[in-house]
Amino acid sequence: MKSPFTKVRKIKAKGGGTKKVCLPLAKIRSMSSSEKSSVVSAKRKAGAAGKYKRSSKSNVTGTSSGGSLKNWVKQDWRQVANPKLKCGEKSPTEKKGDVRRTIGKGKNFNKAKSTGTGGAAGGGMTQKGVNEYKSKNPGSNLKTAVTKKPSELKPGSKPAKRRKAFCARSKSWKSKRGLAARRRWNC
């Protein structure tokens, strides 16, 4: 008999999050553009690979603390890629991440209404919204609701299983949008 513990699936840990490189402003000014770009690209490459630290080959020398931690903290730390911005500060043009809008410009969801059924009643992303989400998140497997009637679905097919799983998962949903979604999925 095989042990259930022998088949362990290793999952690659995601990196520390930030892809920004921060150094004292005086040091950034003394660096050449090729040094700056090598440090920034090393950090971005490490972040994309899911690592916390950049390659030690791109380490910068001459960033002494002046003898104490107090002096080190007091230095004017800036982003190497954009020295106008302080360390940790976001640029105005930087994307705000995945904002799932429900109203206004860039809306991806149908608005929940008490009248009507399916897409007219809301409760889910439109095909346009799914396409927009997929363009922002390459490799995503997001799909729209299975709106066919259960009698029209072949038992055991992928859409039938998706519908069954959604209906089981959403049993306790009581909000307008939740009820509209369950109506759209024919639960």
N, C-alpha and C. Protein backbone atom coordinates (compact mmCIF):
# COMPACT_ATOMS: atom_id res chain seq x y z
N MET A 1 0.84 -1.19 0.00
CA MET A 1 0.00 0.00 0.00
C MET A 1 0.88 1.25 0.00
N LYS A 2 0.55 2.18 -0.86
CA LYS A 2 1.32 3.42 -0.96
C LYS A 2 0.91 4.40 0.15
N SER A 3 1.89 5.11 0.65
CA SER A 3 1.63 6.11 1.67
C SER A 3 1.04 7.36 1.01
N PRO A 4 0.01 7.97 1.61
CA PRO A 4 -0.57 9.17 1.03
C PRO A 4 0.36 10.39 1.14
N PHE A 5 1.43 10.24 1.95
CA PHE A 5 2.32 11.37 2.17
C PHE A 5 3.50 11.41 1.21
N THR A 6 3.67 10.39 0.37
CA THR A 6 4.82 10.36 -0.53
C THR A 6 4.66 11.31 -1.71
N LYS A 7 3.44 11.57 -2.11
CA LYS A 7 3.21 12.42 -3.27
C LYS A 7 2.92 13.85 -2.80
N VAL A 8 3.97 14.58 -2.53
CA VAL A 8 3.84 15.96 -2.08
C VAL A 8 4.13 16.87 -3.26
N ARG A 9 3.23 17.77 -3.50
CA ARG A 9 3.38 18.69 -4.63
C ARG A 9 3.99 19.99 -4.13
N LYS A 10 5.13 20.34 -4.67
CA LYS A 10 5.81 21.56 -4.25
C LYS A 10 5.25 22.74 -5.05
N ILE A 11 4.92 23.78 -4.34
CA ILE A 11 4.39 24.99 -4.97
C ILE A 11 5.43 26.09 -4.81
N LYS A 12 5.75 26.72 -5.91
CA LYS A 12 6.74 27.79 -5.90
C LYS A 12 6.17 29.00 -5.15
N ALA A 13 6.91 29.48 -4.16
CA ALA A 13 6.47 30.64 -3.39
C ALA A 13 6.63 31.90 -4.21
N LYS A 14 5.69 32.79 -4.05
CA LYS A 14 5.76 34.07 -4.75
C LYS A 14 6.75 34.97 -4.02
N GLY A 15 7.27 35.93 -4.73
CA GLY A 15 8.29 36.83 -4.19
C GLY A 15 7.76 37.83 -3.19
N GLY A 16 8.65 38.68 -2.74
CA GLY A 16 8.33 39.65 -1.70
C GLY A 16 7.39 40.75 -2.15
N GLY A 17 7.03 40.79 -3.38
CA GLY A 17 6.04 41.76 -3.84
C GLY A 17 6.64 42.92 -4.60
N THR A 18 7.44 43.74 -3.94
CA THR A 18 7.93 44.95 -4.59
C THR A 18 9.01 44.65 -5.61
N LYS A 19 9.00 45.43 -6.69
CA LYS A 19 10.03 45.32 -7.71
C LYS A 19 10.82 46.62 -7.77
N LYS A 20 10.63 47.45 -6.73
CA LYS A 20 11.31 48.73 -6.67
C LYS A 20 12.66 48.59 -5.98
N VAL A 21 13.62 49.36 -6.44
CA VAL A 21 14.94 49.40 -5.82
C VAL A 21 15.13 50.78 -5.23
N CYS A 22 15.48 50.84 -3.95
CA CYS A 22 15.66 52.12 -3.29
C CYS A 22 17.09 52.28 -2.80
N LEU A 23 17.64 53.45 -3.02
CA LEU A 23 19.00 53.80 -2.57
C LEU A 23 18.99 55.27 -2.15
N PRO A 24 20.01 55.69 -1.39
CA PRO A 24 20.09 57.11 -1.05
C PRO A 24 20.23 57.96 -2.33
N LEU A 25 19.60 59.11 -2.33
CA LEU A 25 19.59 59.98 -3.51
C LEU A 25 21.00 60.35 -3.96
N ALA A 26 21.90 60.59 -3.01
CA ALA A 26 23.28 60.95 -3.35
C ALA A 26 23.95 59.83 -4.13
N LYS A 27 23.68 58.58 -3.74
CA LYS A 27 24.27 57.43 -4.44
C LYS A 27 23.68 57.30 -5.85
N ILE A 28 22.39 57.51 -5.98
CA ILE A 28 21.73 57.41 -7.29
C ILE A 28 22.33 58.43 -8.26
N ARG A 29 22.58 59.65 -7.76
CA ARG A 29 23.16 60.70 -8.60
C ARG A 29 24.57 60.36 -9.06
N SER A 30 25.30 59.59 -8.23
CA SER A 30 26.68 59.26 -8.59
C SER A 30 26.77 58.04 -9.52
N MET A 31 25.66 57.32 -9.70
CA MET A 31 25.66 56.12 -10.54
C MET A 31 25.49 56.47 -12.02
N SER A 32 26.09 55.65 -12.88
CA SER A 32 25.89 55.83 -14.32
C SER A 32 24.54 55.22 -14.70
N SER A 33 24.04 55.57 -15.87
CA SER A 33 22.74 55.05 -16.30
C SER A 33 22.78 53.54 -16.49
N SER A 34 23.91 52.98 -16.91
CA SER A 34 24.01 51.53 -17.08
C SER A 34 23.98 50.82 -15.73
N GLU A 35 24.61 51.41 -14.69
CA GLU A 35 24.57 50.83 -13.35
C GLU A 35 23.14 50.84 -12.82
N LYS A 36 22.45 51.96 -13.02
CA LYS A 36 21.06 52.07 -12.56
C LYS A 36 20.18 51.02 -13.23
N SER A 37 20.31 50.91 -14.55
CA SER A 37 19.45 49.96 -15.28
C SER A 37 19.76 48.52 -14.91
N SER A 38 21.03 48.18 -14.62
CA SER A 38 21.35 46.80 -14.24
C SER A 38 20.76 46.45 -12.88
N VAL A 39 20.78 47.39 -11.94
CA VAL A 39 20.20 47.16 -10.61
C VAL A 39 18.69 46.99 -10.71
N VAL A 40 18.04 47.88 -11.47
CA VAL A 40 16.59 47.84 -11.61
C VAL A 40 16.15 46.57 -12.33
N SER A 41 16.84 46.21 -13.42
CA SER A 41 16.45 45.00 -14.16
C SER A 41 16.67 43.74 -13.33
N ALA A 42 17.73 43.71 -12.50
CA ALA A 42 17.98 42.55 -11.64
C ALA A 42 16.86 42.37 -10.62
N LYS A 43 16.39 43.47 -10.05
CA LYS A 43 15.31 43.42 -9.07
C LYS A 43 14.00 42.99 -9.72
N ARG A 44 13.72 43.53 -10.90
CA ARG A 44 12.48 43.16 -11.61
C ARG A 44 12.51 41.70 -12.02
N LYS A 45 13.66 41.24 -12.45
CA LYS A 45 13.81 39.84 -12.87
C LYS A 45 13.60 38.91 -11.67
N ALA A 46 14.16 39.28 -10.52
CA ALA A 46 14.01 38.48 -9.31
C ALA A 46 12.55 38.44 -8.87
N GLY A 47 11.87 39.60 -8.96
CA GLY A 47 10.46 39.68 -8.58
C GLY A 47 9.59 38.84 -9.49
N ALA A 48 9.89 38.84 -10.78
CA ALA A 48 9.11 38.06 -11.75
C ALA A 48 9.34 36.57 -11.55
N ALA A 49 10.54 36.19 -11.09
CA ALA A 49 10.86 34.78 -10.87
C ALA A 49 10.34 34.28 -9.52
N GLY A 50 9.78 35.18 -8.72
CA GLY A 50 9.22 34.78 -7.44
C GLY A 50 10.23 34.76 -6.32
N LYS A 51 11.30 35.51 -6.45
CA LYS A 51 12.33 35.56 -5.41
C LYS A 51 12.19 36.84 -4.60
N TYR A 52 12.69 36.76 -3.36
CA TYR A 52 12.61 37.92 -2.48
C TYR A 52 13.75 38.90 -2.74
N LYS A 53 14.92 38.40 -3.12
CA LYS A 53 16.09 39.24 -3.28
C LYS A 53 16.59 39.22 -4.71
N ARG A 54 17.21 40.32 -5.13
CA ARG A 54 17.82 40.37 -6.45
C ARG A 54 19.18 39.70 -6.39
N SER A 55 19.75 39.47 -7.54
CA SER A 55 21.06 38.83 -7.65
C SER A 55 22.13 39.67 -6.96
N SER A 56 23.06 39.01 -6.27
CA SER A 56 24.12 39.74 -5.57
C SER A 56 25.11 40.36 -6.56
N LYS A 57 25.08 39.92 -7.82
CA LYS A 57 25.95 40.51 -8.84
C LYS A 57 25.62 41.98 -9.06
N SER A 58 24.39 42.37 -8.77
CA SER A 58 23.98 43.75 -8.99
C SER A 58 24.06 44.60 -7.72
N ASN A 59 24.77 44.09 -6.70
CA ASN A 59 24.91 44.86 -5.46
C ASN A 59 25.62 46.19 -5.72
N VAL A 60 25.24 47.19 -4.95
CA VAL A 60 25.81 48.53 -5.11
C VAL A 60 26.75 48.79 -3.95
N THR A 61 27.96 49.26 -4.25
CA THR A 61 28.92 49.58 -3.18
C THR A 61 28.90 51.07 -2.91
N GLY A 62 29.35 51.42 -1.71
CA GLY A 62 29.44 52.84 -1.37
C GLY A 62 28.16 53.42 -0.82
N THR A 63 27.32 52.58 -0.21
CA THR A 63 26.09 53.09 0.41
C THR A 63 26.20 52.94 1.92
N SER A 64 27.28 53.41 2.50
CA SER A 64 27.52 53.24 3.93
C SER A 64 26.52 54.04 4.73
N SER A 65 26.32 53.59 5.95
CA SER A 65 25.36 54.26 6.83
C SER A 65 25.98 55.43 7.56
N GLY A 66 27.27 55.64 7.39
CA GLY A 66 27.92 56.75 8.08
C GLY A 66 28.21 56.40 9.53
N GLY A 67 28.20 55.12 9.85
CA GLY A 67 28.59 54.68 11.19
C GLY A 67 27.45 54.30 12.10
N SER A 68 26.22 54.74 11.84
CA SER A 68 25.14 54.38 12.75
C SER A 68 23.83 54.18 12.00
N LEU A 69 22.96 53.46 12.64
CA LEU A 69 21.64 53.20 12.07
C LEU A 69 20.84 54.50 11.95
N LYS A 70 21.05 55.40 12.92
CA LYS A 70 20.34 56.68 12.92
C LYS A 70 20.64 57.46 11.63
N ASN A 71 21.90 57.51 11.24
CA ASN A 71 22.29 58.21 10.01
C ASN A 71 21.76 57.49 8.78
N TRP A 72 21.72 56.16 8.82
CA TRP A 72 21.25 55.36 7.69
C TRP A 72 19.78 55.65 7.41
N VAL A 73 18.98 55.74 8.47
CA VAL A 73 17.54 55.99 8.34
C VAL A 73 17.27 57.41 7.86
N LYS A 74 18.09 58.37 8.29
CA LYS A 74 17.88 59.78 7.95
C LYS A 74 18.16 60.11 6.48
N GLN A 75 18.87 59.23 5.78
CA GLN A 75 19.22 59.51 4.39
C GLN A 75 17.96 59.62 3.53
N ASP A 76 18.05 60.36 2.45
CA ASP A 76 16.93 60.57 1.54
C ASP A 76 16.85 59.39 0.57
N TRP A 77 16.05 58.39 0.91
CA TRP A 77 15.94 57.16 0.10
C TRP A 77 14.97 57.39 -1.05
N ARG A 78 15.42 57.08 -2.25
CA ARG A 78 14.61 57.28 -3.46
C ARG A 78 14.63 56.02 -4.32
N GLN A 79 13.69 55.96 -5.25
CA GLN A 79 13.64 54.83 -6.19
C GLN A 79 14.68 55.06 -7.27
N VAL A 80 15.43 54.00 -7.57
CA VAL A 80 16.49 54.12 -8.58
C VAL A 80 15.88 54.38 -9.95
N ALA A 81 14.79 53.71 -10.28
CA ALA A 81 14.15 53.86 -11.59
C ALA A 81 13.58 55.27 -11.79
N ASN A 82 13.09 55.88 -10.70
CA ASN A 82 12.52 57.22 -10.78
C ASN A 82 12.88 57.98 -9.51
N PRO A 83 14.05 58.66 -9.50
CA PRO A 83 14.51 59.34 -8.28
C PRO A 83 13.60 60.45 -7.77
N LYS A 84 12.63 60.89 -8.56
CA LYS A 84 11.69 61.90 -8.10
C LYS A 84 10.78 61.35 -7.01
N LEU A 85 10.59 60.02 -7.01
CA LEU A 85 9.69 59.39 -6.05
C LEU A 85 10.45 58.83 -4.87
N LYS A 86 9.89 59.02 -3.66
CA LYS A 86 10.49 58.45 -2.46
C LYS A 86 10.29 56.94 -2.47
N CYS A 87 11.06 56.26 -1.64
CA CYS A 87 10.97 54.80 -1.58
C CYS A 87 9.57 54.40 -1.09
N GLY A 88 8.89 53.53 -1.82
CA GLY A 88 7.55 53.08 -1.45
C GLY A 88 6.43 53.93 -2.01
N GLU A 89 6.75 55.09 -2.56
CA GLU A 89 5.73 55.98 -3.12
C GLU A 89 5.35 55.50 -4.52
N LYS A 90 4.06 55.56 -4.82
CA LYS A 90 3.58 55.14 -6.14
C LYS A 90 3.53 56.33 -7.08
N SER A 91 3.87 56.08 -8.32
CA SER A 91 3.79 57.15 -9.31
C SER A 91 2.34 57.35 -9.71
N PRO A 92 1.97 58.57 -10.11
CA PRO A 92 0.57 58.83 -10.48
C PRO A 92 0.11 58.00 -11.66
N THR A 93 1.06 57.61 -12.53
CA THR A 93 0.68 56.83 -13.71
C THR A 93 0.67 55.34 -13.44
N GLU A 94 1.14 54.93 -12.27
CA GLU A 94 1.22 53.51 -11.95
C GLU A 94 -0.18 52.92 -11.84
N LYS A 95 -0.36 51.72 -12.40
CA LYS A 95 -1.65 51.04 -12.39
C LYS A 95 -2.04 50.70 -10.95
N LYS A 96 -3.29 50.86 -10.61
CA LYS A 96 -3.75 50.62 -9.25
C LYS A 96 -4.09 49.15 -8.99
N GLY A 97 -3.61 48.23 -9.81
CA GLY A 97 -3.92 46.82 -9.61
C GLY A 97 -5.25 46.46 -10.24
N ASP A 98 -5.75 45.31 -9.90
CA ASP A 98 -7.00 44.83 -10.47
C ASP A 98 -8.17 45.38 -9.67
N VAL A 99 -8.83 46.39 -10.21
CA VAL A 99 -10.00 46.96 -9.56
C VAL A 99 -11.22 46.41 -10.29
N ARG A 100 -11.98 45.62 -9.58
CA ARG A 100 -13.18 45.04 -10.19
C ARG A 100 -14.31 46.03 -10.03
N ARG A 101 -14.54 46.80 -11.06
CA ARG A 101 -15.56 47.83 -11.00
C ARG A 101 -16.94 47.23 -11.24
N THR A 102 -17.91 47.76 -10.50
CA THR A 102 -19.27 47.29 -10.69
C THR A 102 -20.16 48.39 -11.26
N ILE A 103 -19.70 49.64 -11.16
CA ILE A 103 -20.44 50.75 -11.73
C ILE A 103 -19.47 51.70 -12.40
N GLY A 104 -19.95 52.53 -13.26
CA GLY A 104 -19.13 53.55 -13.90
C GLY A 104 -18.26 53.01 -15.01
N LYS A 105 -17.23 53.82 -15.38
CA LYS A 105 -16.35 53.48 -16.49
C LYS A 105 -15.57 52.19 -16.18
N GLY A 106 -15.52 51.29 -17.14
CA GLY A 106 -14.79 50.04 -16.96
C GLY A 106 -15.59 48.99 -16.21
N LYS A 107 -16.91 49.13 -16.17
CA LYS A 107 -17.77 48.19 -15.45
C LYS A 107 -17.69 46.81 -16.09
N ASN A 108 -17.52 45.78 -15.26
CA ASN A 108 -17.44 44.41 -15.74
C ASN A 108 -18.66 43.58 -15.37
N PHE A 109 -19.42 44.03 -14.38
CA PHE A 109 -20.54 43.24 -13.89
C PHE A 109 -21.86 43.80 -14.40
N ASN A 110 -22.83 42.92 -14.54
CA ASN A 110 -24.18 43.36 -14.83
C ASN A 110 -24.76 43.90 -13.53
N LYS A 111 -25.55 44.95 -13.60
CA LYS A 111 -26.16 45.52 -12.40
C LYS A 111 -27.33 44.65 -11.97
N ALA A 112 -27.40 44.34 -10.68
CA ALA A 112 -28.47 43.50 -10.17
C ALA A 112 -29.78 44.29 -10.11
N LYS A 113 -30.81 43.75 -10.76
CA LYS A 113 -32.14 44.36 -10.75
C LYS A 113 -33.14 43.33 -10.25
N SER A 114 -34.17 43.79 -9.60
CA SER A 114 -35.16 42.86 -9.06
C SER A 114 -36.03 42.26 -10.16
N THR A 115 -36.13 42.96 -11.31
CA THR A 115 -36.94 42.44 -12.42
C THR A 115 -36.04 41.82 -13.48
N GLY A 116 -36.57 40.91 -14.23
CA GLY A 116 -35.80 40.29 -15.31
C GLY A 116 -35.07 39.05 -14.85
N THR A 117 -34.51 38.34 -15.80
CA THR A 117 -33.77 37.12 -15.48
C THR A 117 -32.43 37.14 -16.19
N GLY A 118 -31.57 36.25 -15.80
CA GLY A 118 -30.27 36.09 -16.45
C GLY A 118 -29.44 37.35 -16.42
N GLY A 119 -28.83 37.67 -17.57
CA GLY A 119 -27.95 38.83 -17.67
C GLY A 119 -28.65 40.13 -17.38
N ALA A 120 -29.95 40.21 -17.72
CA ALA A 120 -30.71 41.43 -17.47
C ALA A 120 -30.86 41.68 -15.97
N ALA A 121 -30.86 40.62 -15.18
CA ALA A 121 -31.02 40.76 -13.74
C ALA A 121 -29.68 41.01 -13.06
N GLY A 122 -28.58 40.81 -13.76
CA GLY A 122 -27.26 41.03 -13.17
C GLY A 122 -26.70 39.75 -12.59
N GLY A 123 -25.84 39.91 -11.60
CA GLY A 123 -25.29 38.76 -10.91
C GLY A 123 -24.23 38.03 -11.68
N GLY A 124 -23.28 38.71 -12.25
CA GLY A 124 -22.18 38.02 -12.91
C GLY A 124 -21.49 38.90 -13.93
N MET A 125 -20.35 38.45 -14.39
CA MET A 125 -19.60 39.23 -15.37
C MET A 125 -20.16 38.99 -16.76
N THR A 126 -20.14 40.04 -17.54
CA THR A 126 -20.53 39.92 -18.94
C THR A 126 -19.35 39.31 -19.71
N GLN A 127 -19.59 38.89 -20.93
CA GLN A 127 -18.50 38.36 -21.76
C GLN A 127 -17.46 39.44 -22.00
N LYS A 128 -17.92 40.67 -22.18
CA LYS A 128 -17.01 41.79 -22.38
C LYS A 128 -16.12 41.98 -21.14
N GLY A 129 -16.73 41.85 -19.97
CA GLY A 129 -15.98 41.97 -18.72
C GLY A 129 -14.96 40.87 -18.55
N VAL A 130 -15.34 39.64 -18.92
CA VAL A 130 -14.43 38.50 -18.84
C VAL A 130 -13.25 38.72 -19.78
N ASN A 131 -13.53 39.18 -21.00
CA ASN A 131 -12.46 39.44 -21.97
C ASN A 131 -11.50 40.51 -21.47
N GLU A 132 -12.06 41.57 -20.84
CA GLU A 132 -11.24 42.65 -20.30
C GLU A 132 -10.36 42.13 -19.16
N TYR A 133 -10.94 41.31 -18.28
CA TYR A 133 -10.20 40.73 -17.16
C TYR A 133 -9.07 39.84 -17.67
N LYS A 134 -9.36 39.04 -18.70
CA LYS A 134 -8.34 38.15 -19.26
C LYS A 134 -7.20 38.93 -19.90
N SER A 135 -7.52 40.08 -20.51
CA SER A 135 -6.46 40.89 -21.12
C SER A 135 -5.55 41.50 -20.05
N LYS A 136 -6.11 41.82 -18.88
CA LYS A 136 -5.32 42.37 -17.78
C LYS A 136 -4.56 41.28 -17.02
N ASN A 137 -5.08 40.05 -17.06
CA ASN A 137 -4.49 38.93 -16.33
C ASN A 137 -4.24 37.75 -17.27
N PRO A 138 -3.16 37.79 -18.04
CA PRO A 138 -2.89 36.72 -18.99
C PRO A 138 -2.78 35.37 -18.29
N GLY A 139 -3.32 34.35 -18.93
CA GLY A 139 -3.28 33.01 -18.35
C GLY A 139 -4.49 32.70 -17.48
N SER A 140 -5.38 33.67 -17.33
CA SER A 140 -6.56 33.48 -16.51
C SER A 140 -7.53 32.51 -17.19
N ASN A 141 -8.24 31.74 -16.39
CA ASN A 141 -9.19 30.75 -16.92
C ASN A 141 -10.63 31.16 -16.58
N LEU A 142 -10.87 32.44 -16.44
CA LEU A 142 -12.19 32.93 -16.06
C LEU A 142 -13.20 32.70 -17.19
N LYS A 143 -14.40 32.28 -16.81
CA LYS A 143 -15.46 32.04 -17.80
C LYS A 143 -16.74 32.70 -17.32
N THR A 144 -17.66 32.91 -18.25
CA THR A 144 -18.97 33.48 -17.88
C THR A 144 -19.85 32.37 -17.32
N ALA A 145 -21.02 32.76 -16.84
CA ALA A 145 -21.95 31.82 -16.22
C ALA A 145 -22.47 30.79 -17.23
N VAL A 146 -22.81 29.61 -16.70
CA VAL A 146 -23.47 28.59 -17.52
C VAL A 146 -24.95 28.91 -17.44
N THR A 147 -25.48 29.51 -18.51
CA THR A 147 -26.86 30.00 -18.48
C THR A 147 -27.88 29.05 -19.11
N LYS A 148 -27.39 27.94 -19.64
CA LYS A 148 -28.34 26.97 -20.22
C LYS A 148 -29.19 26.35 -19.12
N LYS A 149 -30.40 25.94 -19.48
CA LYS A 149 -31.26 25.28 -18.52
C LYS A 149 -30.67 23.92 -18.19
N PRO A 150 -30.83 23.46 -16.95
CA PRO A 150 -30.27 22.16 -16.56
C PRO A 150 -30.74 21.01 -17.46
N SER A 151 -31.97 21.11 -17.97
CA SER A 151 -32.49 20.05 -18.84
C SER A 151 -31.77 20.01 -20.18
N GLU A 152 -31.18 21.13 -20.60
CA GLU A 152 -30.46 21.20 -21.88
C GLU A 152 -28.99 20.78 -21.77
N LEU A 153 -28.50 20.66 -20.52
CA LEU A 153 -27.10 20.28 -20.31
C LEU A 153 -26.95 18.76 -20.27
N LYS A 154 -25.90 18.25 -20.86
CA LYS A 154 -25.63 16.82 -20.82
C LYS A 154 -25.10 16.48 -19.42
N PRO A 155 -25.73 15.54 -18.71
CA PRO A 155 -25.28 15.21 -17.35
C PRO A 155 -23.82 14.75 -17.34
N GLY A 156 -23.04 15.29 -16.42
CA GLY A 156 -21.64 14.92 -16.30
C GLY A 156 -20.70 15.72 -17.19
N SER A 157 -21.24 16.61 -18.03
CA SER A 157 -20.38 17.42 -18.90
C SER A 157 -19.72 18.53 -18.07
N LYS A 158 -18.69 19.17 -18.64
CA LYS A 158 -17.99 20.24 -17.90
C LYS A 158 -18.93 21.37 -17.48
N PRO A 159 -19.76 21.88 -18.42
CA PRO A 159 -20.67 22.96 -18.00
C PRO A 159 -21.64 22.52 -16.89
N ALA A 160 -22.11 21.28 -16.95
CA ALA A 160 -23.03 20.77 -15.94
C ALA A 160 -22.34 20.70 -14.57
N LYS A 161 -21.08 20.28 -14.57
CA LYS A 161 -20.32 20.20 -13.32
C LYS A 161 -20.04 21.59 -12.76
N ARG A 162 -19.71 22.56 -13.65
CA ARG A 162 -19.47 23.94 -13.21
C ARG A 162 -20.73 24.52 -12.58
N ARG A 163 -21.87 24.28 -13.22
CA ARG A 163 -23.14 24.79 -12.72
C ARG A 163 -23.46 24.18 -11.35
N LYS A 164 -23.29 22.86 -11.25
CA LYS A 164 -23.58 22.15 -10.01
C LYS A 164 -22.69 22.66 -8.86
N ALA A 165 -21.41 22.85 -9.16
CA ALA A 165 -20.46 23.34 -8.15
C ALA A 165 -20.81 24.76 -7.71
N PHE A 166 -21.17 25.61 -8.68
CA PHE A 166 -21.52 26.99 -8.35
C PHE A 166 -22.77 27.02 -7.48
N CYS A 167 -23.77 26.26 -7.86
CA CYS A 167 -25.03 26.25 -7.11
C CYS A 167 -24.81 25.76 -5.68
N ALA A 168 -23.97 24.75 -5.50
CA ALA A 168 -23.67 24.25 -4.16
C ALA A 168 -22.91 25.28 -3.34
N ARG A 169 -21.99 25.98 -4.00
CA ARG A 169 -21.15 26.97 -3.32
C ARG A 169 -21.94 28.23 -2.93
N SER A 170 -22.96 28.54 -3.70
CA SER A 170 -23.68 29.81 -3.50
C SER A 170 -25.01 29.63 -2.78
N LYS A 171 -25.23 28.50 -2.15
CA LYS A 171 -26.51 28.25 -1.47
C LYS A 171 -26.89 29.32 -0.46
N SER A 172 -25.89 29.83 0.26
CA SER A 172 -26.18 30.78 1.34
C SER A 172 -26.19 32.24 0.90
N TRP A 173 -26.03 32.52 -0.38
CA TRP A 173 -25.99 33.90 -0.86
C TRP A 173 -27.37 34.53 -0.81
N LYS A 174 -27.50 35.64 -0.09
CA LYS A 174 -28.81 36.26 0.08
C LYS A 174 -28.87 37.71 -0.44
N SER A 175 -27.76 38.26 -0.88
CA SER A 175 -27.77 39.65 -1.37
C SER A 175 -28.45 39.72 -2.73
N LYS A 176 -28.74 40.94 -3.18
CA LYS A 176 -29.38 41.11 -4.48
C LYS A 176 -28.53 40.49 -5.58
N ARG A 177 -27.23 40.80 -5.55
CA ARG A 177 -26.33 40.28 -6.58
C ARG A 177 -26.22 38.75 -6.49
N GLY A 178 -26.17 38.24 -5.26
CA GLY A 178 -26.06 36.79 -5.07
C GLY A 178 -27.28 36.06 -5.61
N LEU A 179 -28.46 36.59 -5.28
CA LEU A 179 -29.70 35.97 -5.77
C LEU A 179 -29.80 36.08 -7.29
N ALA A 180 -29.35 37.22 -7.82
CA ALA A 180 -29.37 37.41 -9.28
C ALA A 180 -28.41 36.43 -9.95
N ALA A 181 -27.27 36.21 -9.33
CA ALA A 181 -26.29 35.26 -9.89
C ALA A 181 -26.86 33.85 -9.88
N ARG A 182 -27.50 33.46 -8.78
CA ARG A 182 -28.08 32.12 -8.71
C ARG A 182 -29.21 31.95 -9.73
N ARG A 183 -29.96 33.02 -9.95
CA ARG A 183 -31.03 32.99 -10.96
C ARG A 183 -30.40 32.83 -12.35
N ARG A 184 -29.30 33.54 -12.59
CA ARG A 184 -28.64 33.49 -13.90
C ARG A 184 -28.07 32.08 -14.17
N TRP A 185 -27.57 31.43 -13.14
CA TRP A 185 -27.00 30.08 -13.29
C TRP A 185 -28.11 29.00 -13.23
N ASN A 186 -29.36 29.41 -13.07
CA ASN A 186 -30.50 28.48 -12.97
C ASN A 186 -30.36 27.55 -11.77
N CYS A 187 -30.05 28.11 -10.61
CA CYS A 187 -29.93 27.31 -9.38
C CYS A 187 -31.29 27.20 -8.70
